[in-house]
Structure formats: C-alpha cells, structure tokens
Amino acid sequence: MPVPRPKGSAELIKARRHQALRLLDEGSSLNEVSRMLGAAPSSVMRWRDTAKFGGEEALKVRFSPGRSPTLTDRQRG
C-alpha cells in the first residue's frame, strides 16, 4: 500500500530526506529507515540514489501546480 507524502512545509520534507540519508550512513538498512520514518522503502532508495547522483539540489522539494483547468474563462462565468 503506498504511503502518501507527509503534510508539512518543504523544509520539513527536506529534513526527513536528510534524516533518512544520515540513518543510512550510520548503517541502517533501507527497510529499517523506512519503518523509522514511515516512508516506503522505495522512497528511501530513491532519496539515496538521487543524493548520490544529483547532490543537495536534487533533494529539493518540488511542488506540482496540479492539473490544468478544463473550463474556459467564459464557462467559469
């Protein structure tokens, strides 16, 4: 079952990712870190790989603007 991203500021989410990396560096396994942080193991693995190949900037939280509106200005009234 997928685990949704926790609610919170971008800084809180970024801190969670850095905590995962620190725990991995200290020798915890992917599964241990995922349980400690309440994240999917695949997310922890993605954060690890992203940091390894993309550095600090790659861990930055990006927000999606959402789906484009389907109604025209005229239809919206």
PDB file of N, CA and C in Angstrom:
ATOM      1  N   MET A   1       0.852  -1.173   0.000  1.00  0.00           N
ATOM      2  CA  MET A   1       0.000   0.000   0.000  1.00  0.00           C
ATOM      3  C   MET A   1       0.896   1.235   0.000  1.00  0.00           C
ATOM      4  N   PRO A   2       0.668   2.183  -0.914  1.00  0.00           N
ATOM      5  CA  PRO A   2       1.520   3.373  -0.973  1.00  0.00           C
ATOM      6  C   PRO A   2       1.360   4.255   0.258  1.00  0.00           C
ATOM      7  N   VAL A   3       2.459   4.892   0.609  1.00  0.00           N
ATOM      8  CA  VAL A   3       2.466   5.809   1.743  1.00  0.00           C
ATOM      9  C   VAL A   3       2.476   7.226   1.174  1.00  0.00           C
ATOM     10  N   PRO A   4       1.454   8.034   1.473  1.00  0.00           N
ATOM     11  CA  PRO A   4       1.439   9.396   0.918  1.00  0.00           C
ATOM     12  C   PRO A   4       2.509  10.263   1.557  1.00  0.00           C
ATOM     13  N   ARG A   5       2.908  11.293   0.829  1.00  0.00           N
ATOM     14  CA  ARG A   5       3.868  12.252   1.354  1.00  0.00           C
ATOM     15  C   ARG A   5       3.273  12.924   2.585  1.00  0.00           C
ATOM     16  N   PRO A   6       4.063  13.074   3.644  1.00  0.00           N
ATOM     17  CA  PRO A   6       3.517  13.724   4.839  1.00  0.00           C
ATOM     18  C   PRO A   6       3.234  15.196   4.580  1.00  0.00           C
ATOM     19  N   LYS A   7       2.234  15.692   5.265  1.00  0.00           N
ATOM     20  CA  LYS A   7       1.930  17.115   5.142  1.00  0.00           C
ATOM     21  C   LYS A   7       2.986  17.893   5.899  1.00  0.00           C
ATOM     22  N   GLY A   8       3.283  19.064   5.406  1.00  0.00           N
ATOM     23  CA  GLY A   8       4.273  19.900   6.071  1.00  0.00           C
ATOM     24  C   GLY A   8       4.976  20.777   5.066  1.00  0.00           C
ATOM     25  N   SER A   9       5.779  21.642   5.585  1.00  0.00           N
ATOM     26  CA  SER A   9       6.493  22.570   4.724  1.00  0.00           C
ATOM     27  C   SER A   9       7.564  21.840   3.930  1.00  0.00           C
ATOM     28  N   ALA A  10       8.053  22.502   2.926  1.00  0.00           N
ATOM     29  CA  ALA A  10       9.134  21.942   2.127  1.00  0.00           C
ATOM     30  C   ALA A  10      10.349  21.662   2.998  1.00  0.00           C
ATOM     31  N   GLU A  11      10.592  22.509   3.978  1.00  0.00           N
ATOM     32  CA  GLU A  11      11.735  22.313   4.873  1.00  0.00           C
ATOM     33  C   GLU A  11      11.577  21.046   5.712  1.00  0.00           C
ATOM     34  N   LEU A  12      10.358  20.748   6.169  1.00  0.00           N
ATOM     35  CA  LEU A  12      10.133  19.528   6.955  1.00  0.00           C
ATOM     36  C   LEU A  12      10.354  18.288   6.098  1.00  0.00           C
ATOM     37  N   ILE A  13       9.880  18.331   4.870  1.00  0.00           N
ATOM     38  CA  ILE A  13      10.041  17.196   3.965  1.00  0.00           C
ATOM     39  C   ILE A  13      11.518  17.006   3.626  1.00  0.00           C
ATOM     40  N   LYS A  14      12.211  18.103   3.373  1.00  0.00           N
ATOM     41  CA  LYS A  14      13.644  18.032   3.069  1.00  0.00           C
ATOM     42  C   LYS A  14      14.410  17.482   4.274  1.00  0.00           C
ATOM     43  N   ALA A  15      14.042  17.903   5.474  1.00  0.00           N
ATOM     44  CA  ALA A  15      14.705  17.420   6.689  1.00  0.00           C
ATOM     45  C   ALA A  15      14.494  15.913   6.845  1.00  0.00           C
ATOM     46  N   ARG A  16      13.317  15.429   6.496  1.00  0.00           N
ATOM     47  CA  ARG A  16      13.021  13.996   6.569  1.00  0.00           C
ATOM     48  C   ARG A  16      13.930  13.219   5.611  1.00  0.00           C
ATOM     49  N   ARG A  17      14.124  13.745   4.431  1.00  0.00           N
ATOM     50  CA  ARG A  17      15.002  13.100   3.455  1.00  0.00           C
ATOM     51  C   ARG A  17      16.444  13.068   3.952  1.00  0.00           C
ATOM     52  N   HIS A  18      16.893  14.169   4.550  1.00  0.00           N
ATOM     53  CA  HIS A  18      18.258  14.218   5.080  1.00  0.00           C
ATOM     54  C   HIS A  18      18.427  13.282   6.267  1.00  0.00           C
ATOM     55  N   GLN A  19      17.381  13.156   7.077  1.00  0.00           N
ATOM     56  CA  GLN A  19      17.437  12.223   8.201  1.00  0.00           C
ATOM     57  C   GLN A  19      17.584  10.791   7.681  1.00  0.00           C
ATOM     58  N   ALA A  20      16.864  10.476   6.606  1.00  0.00           N
ATOM     59  CA  ALA A  20      16.974   9.144   6.011  1.00  0.00           C
ATOM     60  C   ALA A  20      18.407   8.879   5.551  1.00  0.00           C
ATOM     61  N   LEU A  21      19.012   9.864   4.900  1.00  0.00           N
ATOM     62  CA  LEU A  21      20.382   9.692   4.424  1.00  0.00           C
ATOM     63  C   LEU A  21      21.364   9.520   5.581  1.00  0.00           C
ATOM     64  N   ARG A  22      21.144  10.270   6.652  1.00  0.00           N
ATOM     65  CA  ARG A  22      22.018  10.152   7.820  1.00  0.00           C
ATOM     66  C   ARG A  22      21.909   8.759   8.427  1.00  0.00           C
ATOM     67  N   LEU A  23      20.685   8.247   8.548  1.00  0.00           N
ATOM     68  CA  LEU A  23      20.479   6.918   9.108  1.00  0.00           C
ATOM     69  C   LEU A  23      21.124   5.843   8.229  1.00  0.00           C
ATOM     70  N   LEU A  24      21.024   6.006   6.919  1.00  0.00           N
ATOM     71  CA  LEU A  24      21.674   5.062   6.008  1.00  0.00           C
ATOM     72  C   LEU A  24      23.188   5.108   6.178  1.00  0.00           C
ATOM     73  N   ASP A  25      23.740   6.314   6.314  1.00  0.00           N
ATOM     74  CA  ASP A  25      25.189   6.466   6.512  1.00  0.00           C
ATOM     75  C   ASP A  25      25.647   5.829   7.816  1.00  0.00           C
ATOM     76  N   GLU A  26      24.753   5.814   8.809  1.00  0.00           N
ATOM     77  CA  GLU A  26      25.083   5.219  10.109  1.00  0.00           C
ATOM     78  C   GLU A  26      24.954   3.699  10.094  1.00  0.00           C
ATOM     79  N   GLY A  27      24.503   3.144   8.958  1.00  0.00           N
ATOM     80  CA  GLY A  27      24.465   1.693   8.843  1.00  0.00           C
ATOM     81  C   GLY A  27      23.090   1.055   8.889  1.00  0.00           C
ATOM     82  N   SER A  28      22.037   1.840   8.998  1.00  0.00           N
ATOM     83  CA  SER A  28      20.681   1.278   8.992  1.00  0.00           C
ATOM     84  C   SER A  28      20.329   0.807   7.586  1.00  0.00           C
ATOM     85  N   SER A  29      19.502  -0.209   7.506  1.00  0.00           N
ATOM     86  CA  SER A  29      19.088  -0.715   6.196  1.00  0.00           C
ATOM     87  C   SER A  29      17.944   0.139   5.639  1.00  0.00           C
ATOM     88  N   LEU A  30      17.664  -0.049   4.359  1.00  0.00           N
ATOM     89  CA  LEU A  30      16.556   0.681   3.730  1.00  0.00           C
ATOM     90  C   LEU A  30      15.250   0.410   4.467  1.00  0.00           C
ATOM     91  N   ASN A  31      15.015  -0.856   4.797  1.00  0.00           N
ATOM     92  CA  ASN A  31      13.769  -1.214   5.485  1.00  0.00           C
ATOM     93  C   ASN A  31      13.693  -0.611   6.886  1.00  0.00           C
ATOM     94  N   GLU A  32      14.807  -0.597   7.591  1.00  0.00           N
ATOM     95  CA  GLU A  32      14.821  -0.001   8.929  1.00  0.00           C
ATOM     96  C   GLU A  32      14.516   1.495   8.851  1.00  0.00           C
ATOM     97  N   VAL A  33      15.169   2.179   7.929  1.00  0.00           N
ATOM     98  CA  VAL A  33      14.955   3.618   7.779  1.00  0.00           C
ATOM     99  C   VAL A  33      13.514   3.902   7.376  1.00  0.00           C
ATOM    100  N   SER A  34      12.985   3.114   6.464  1.00  0.00           N
ATOM    101  CA  SER A  34      11.608   3.352   6.026  1.00  0.00           C
ATOM    102  C   SER A  34      10.629   3.177   7.179  1.00  0.00           C
ATOM    103  N   ARG A  35      10.855   2.183   8.024  1.00  0.00           N
ATOM    104  CA  ARG A  35       9.973   1.992   9.185  1.00  0.00           C
ATOM    105  C   ARG A  35      10.109   3.146  10.176  1.00  0.00           C
ATOM    106  N   MET A  36      11.340   3.583  10.422  1.00  0.00           N
ATOM    107  CA  MET A  36      11.570   4.670  11.383  1.00  0.00           C
ATOM    108  C   MET A  36      10.886   5.963  10.941  1.00  0.00           C
ATOM    109  N   LEU A  37      10.901   6.219   9.636  1.00  0.00           N
ATOM    110  CA  LEU A  37      10.380   7.486   9.120  1.00  0.00           C
ATOM    111  C   LEU A  37       8.958   7.381   8.579  1.00  0.00           C
ATOM    112  N   GLY A  38       8.423   6.175   8.512  1.00  0.00           N
ATOM    113  CA  GLY A  38       7.088   5.997   7.975  1.00  0.00           C
ATOM    114  C   GLY A  38       7.025   6.246   6.475  1.00  0.00           C
ATOM    115  N   ALA A  39       8.086   5.857   5.779  1.00  0.00           N
ATOM    116  CA  ALA A  39       8.158   6.043   4.328  1.00  0.00           C
ATOM    117  C   ALA A  39       8.280   4.679   3.661  1.00  0.00           C
ATOM    118  N   ALA A  40       7.985   4.629   2.398  1.00  0.00           N
ATOM    119  CA  ALA A  40       8.155   3.390   1.646  1.00  0.00           C
ATOM    120  C   ALA A  40       9.645   3.143   1.409  1.00  0.00           C
ATOM    121  N   PRO A  41      10.079   1.879   1.464  1.00  0.00           N
ATOM    122  CA  PRO A  41      11.487   1.590   1.183  1.00  0.00           C
ATOM    123  C   PRO A  41      11.929   2.112  -0.186  1.00  0.00           C
ATOM    124  N   SER A  42      11.030   2.081  -1.148  1.00  0.00           N
ATOM    125  CA  SER A  42      11.382   2.578  -2.487  1.00  0.00           C
ATOM    126  C   SER A  42      11.660   4.079  -2.461  1.00  0.00           C
ATOM    127  N   SER A  43      10.974   4.811  -1.590  1.00  0.00           N
ATOM    128  CA  SER A  43      11.227   6.249  -1.459  1.00  0.00           C
ATOM    129  C   SER A  43      12.607   6.491  -0.862  1.00  0.00           C
ATOM    130  N   VAL A  44      12.939   5.732   0.174  1.00  0.00           N
ATOM    131  CA  VAL A  44      14.250   5.877   0.812  1.00  0.00           C
ATOM    132  C   VAL A  44      15.346   5.552  -0.202  1.00  0.00           C
ATOM    133  N   MET A  45      15.138   4.509  -0.988  1.00  0.00           N
ATOM    134  CA  MET A  45      16.123   4.142  -2.003  1.00  0.00           C
ATOM    135  C   MET A  45      16.248   5.249  -3.054  1.00  0.00           C
ATOM    136  N   ARG A  46      15.124   5.837  -3.447  1.00  0.00           N
ATOM    137  CA  ARG A  46      15.152   6.924  -4.436  1.00  0.00           C
ATOM    138  C   ARG A  46      15.881   8.139  -3.882  1.00  0.00           C
ATOM    139  N   TRP A  47      15.642   8.489  -2.599  1.00  0.00           N
ATOM    140  CA  TRP A  47      16.334   9.625  -1.991  1.00  0.00           C
ATOM    141  C   TRP A  47      17.837   9.368  -1.956  1.00  0.00           C
ATOM    142  N   ARG A  48      18.226   8.141  -1.598  1.00  0.00           N
ATOM    143  CA  ARG A  48      19.646   7.782  -1.551  1.00  0.00           C
ATOM    144  C   ARG A  48      20.291   7.935  -2.929  1.00  0.00           C
ATOM    145  N   ASP A  49      19.633   7.371  -3.941  1.00  0.00           N
ATOM    146  CA  ASP A  49      20.195   7.422  -5.290  1.00  0.00           C
ATOM    147  C   ASP A  49      20.197   8.848  -5.842  1.00  0.00           C
ATOM    148  N   THR A  50      19.151   9.599  -5.546  1.00  0.00           N
ATOM    149  CA  THR A  50      19.069  10.985  -6.002  1.00  0.00           C
ATOM    150  C   THR A  50      20.196  11.816  -5.403  1.00  0.00           C
ATOM    151  N   ALA A  51      20.457  11.648  -4.115  1.00  0.00           N
ATOM    152  CA  ALA A  51      21.525  12.399  -3.453  1.00  0.00           C
ATOM    153  C   ALA A  51      22.883  12.001  -4.003  1.00  0.00           C
ATOM    154  N   LYS A  52      23.040  10.722  -4.290  1.00  0.00           N
ATOM    155  CA  LYS A  52      24.328  10.223  -4.790  1.00  0.00           C
ATOM    156  C   LYS A  52      24.656  10.813  -6.159  1.00  0.00           C
ATOM    157  N   PHE A  53      23.669  10.890  -7.032  1.00  0.00           N
ATOM    158  CA  PHE A  53      23.919  11.333  -8.402  1.00  0.00           C
ATOM    159  C   PHE A  53      23.603  12.803  -8.652  1.00  0.00           C
ATOM    160  N   GLY A  54      22.733  13.390  -7.833  1.00  0.00           N
ATOM    161  CA  GLY A  54      22.337  14.771  -8.081  1.00  0.00           C
ATOM    162  C   GLY A  54      22.723  15.762  -7.009  1.00  0.00           C
ATOM    163  N   GLY A  55      23.209  15.270  -5.883  1.00  0.00           N
ATOM    164  CA  GLY A  55      23.639  16.157  -4.811  1.00  0.00           C
ATOM    165  C   GLY A  55      22.491  16.805  -4.057  1.00  0.00           C
ATOM    166  N   GLU A  56      22.827  17.817  -3.306  1.00  0.00           N
ATOM    167  CA  GLU A  56      21.886  18.533  -2.434  1.00  0.00           C
ATOM    168  C   GLU A  56      20.701  19.103  -3.193  1.00  0.00           C
ATOM    169  N   GLU A  57      20.943  19.676  -4.335  1.00  0.00           N
ATOM    170  CA  GLU A  57      19.875  20.319  -5.111  1.00  0.00           C
ATOM    171  C   GLU A  57      18.827  19.310  -5.556  1.00  0.00           C
ATOM    172  N   ALA A  58      19.240  18.079  -5.774  1.00  0.00           N
ATOM    173  CA  ALA A  58      18.317  17.046  -6.243  1.00  0.00           C
ATOM    174  C   ALA A  58      17.313  16.644  -5.174  1.00  0.00           C
ATOM    175  N   LEU A  59      17.635  16.864  -3.905  1.00  0.00           N
ATOM    176  CA  LEU A  59      16.716  16.515  -2.816  1.00  0.00           C
ATOM    177  C   LEU A  59      15.696  17.610  -2.529  1.00  0.00           C
ATOM    178  N   LYS A  60      15.820  18.713  -3.216  1.00  0.00           N
ATOM    179  CA  LYS A  60      14.908  19.831  -3.019  1.00  0.00           C
ATOM    180  C   LYS A  60      13.470  19.403  -3.342  1.00  0.00           C
ATOM    181  N   VAL A  61      12.537  19.877  -2.552  1.00  0.00           N
ATOM    182  CA  VAL A  61      11.129  19.536  -2.747  1.00  0.00           C
ATOM    183  C   VAL A  61      10.558  20.379  -3.876  1.00  0.00           C
ATOM    184  N   ARG A  62       9.923  19.696  -4.814  1.00  0.00           N
ATOM    185  CA  ARG A  62       9.277  20.400  -5.929  1.00  0.00           C
ATOM    186  C   ARG A  62       7.779  20.182  -5.822  1.00  0.00           C
ATOM    187  N   PHE A  63       7.036  21.240  -5.976  1.00  0.00           N
ATOM    188  CA  PHE A  63       5.588  21.124  -5.908  1.00  0.00           C
ATOM    189  C   PHE A  63       4.997  21.183  -7.302  1.00  0.00           C
ATOM    190  N   SER A  64       4.001  20.360  -7.513  1.00  0.00           N
ATOM    191  CA  SER A  64       3.316  20.312  -8.800  1.00  0.00           C
ATOM    192  C   SER A  64       2.178  21.331  -8.773  1.00  0.00           C
ATOM    193  N   PRO A  65       2.007  22.081  -9.856  1.00  0.00           N
ATOM    194  CA  PRO A  65       0.928  23.062  -9.872  1.00  0.00           C
ATOM    195  C   PRO A  65      -0.445  22.424 -10.011  1.00  0.00           C
ATOM    196  N   GLY A  66      -0.487  21.146 -10.311  1.00  0.00           N
ATOM    197  CA  GLY A  66      -1.767  20.455 -10.443  1.00  0.00           C
ATOM    198  C   GLY A  66      -2.221  20.382 -11.895  1.00  0.00           C
ATOM    199  N   ARG A  67      -3.371  19.818 -12.058  1.00  0.00           N
ATOM    200  CA  ARG A  67      -3.931  19.629 -13.387  1.00  0.00           C
ATOM    201  C   ARG A  67      -4.353  20.967 -13.973  1.00  0.00           C
ATOM    202  N   SER A  68      -4.187  21.102 -15.274  1.00  0.00           N
ATOM    203  CA  SER A  68      -4.614  22.325 -15.959  1.00  0.00           C
ATOM    204  C   SER A  68      -6.134  22.419 -15.946  1.00  0.00           C
ATOM    205  N   PRO A  69      -6.673  23.640 -15.837  1.00  0.00           N
ATOM    206  CA  PRO A  69      -8.127  23.783 -15.844  1.00  0.00           C
ATOM    207  C   PRO A  69      -8.706  23.369 -17.197  1.00  0.00           C
ATOM    208  N   THR A  70      -9.868  22.744 -17.160  1.00  0.00           N
ATOM    209  CA  THR A  70     -10.505  22.303 -18.401  1.00  0.00           C
ATOM    210  C   THR A  70     -11.606  23.262 -18.846  1.00  0.00           C
ATOM    211  N   LEU A  71     -12.052  24.120 -17.949  1.00  0.00           N
ATOM    212  CA  LEU A  71     -13.082  25.095 -18.309  1.00  0.00           C
ATOM    213  C   LEU A  71     -12.437  26.366 -18.849  1.00  0.00           C
ATOM    214  N   THR A  72     -13.073  26.956 -19.819  1.00  0.00           N
ATOM    215  CA  THR A  72     -12.601  28.250 -20.341  1.00  0.00           C
ATOM    216  C   THR A  72     -13.033  29.348 -19.387  1.00  0.00           C
ATOM    217  N   ASP A  73     -12.494  30.540 -19.566  1.00  0.00           N
ATOM    218  CA  ASP A  73     -12.889  31.677 -18.738  1.00  0.00           C
ATOM    219  C   ASP A  73     -14.382  31.936 -18.888  1.00  0.00           C
ATOM    220  N   ARG A  74     -14.893  31.789 -20.081  1.00  0.00           N
ATOM    221  CA  ARG A  74     -16.313  32.026 -20.338  1.00  0.00           C
ATOM    222  C   ARG A  74     -17.185  31.010 -19.593  1.00  0.00           C
ATOM    223  N   GLN A  75     -16.755  29.752 -19.573  1.00  0.00           N
ATOM    224  CA  GLN A  75     -17.505  28.715 -18.886  1.00  0.00           C
ATOM    225  C   GLN A  75     -17.487  28.899 -17.377  1.00  0.00           C
ATOM    226  N   ARG A  76     -16.395  29.465 -16.870  1.00  0.00           N
ATOM    227  CA  ARG A  76     -16.295  29.694 -15.421  1.00  0.00           C
ATOM    228  C   ARG A  76     -17.155  30.860 -14.984  1.00  0.00           C
ATOM    229  N   GLY A  77     -17.568  31.661 -15.918  1.00  0.00           N
ATOM    230  CA  GLY A  77     -18.520  32.709 -15.611  1.00  0.00           C
ATOM    231  C   GLY A  77     -17.924  33.996 -15.330  1.00  0.00           C
TER     232      GLY A  77
END
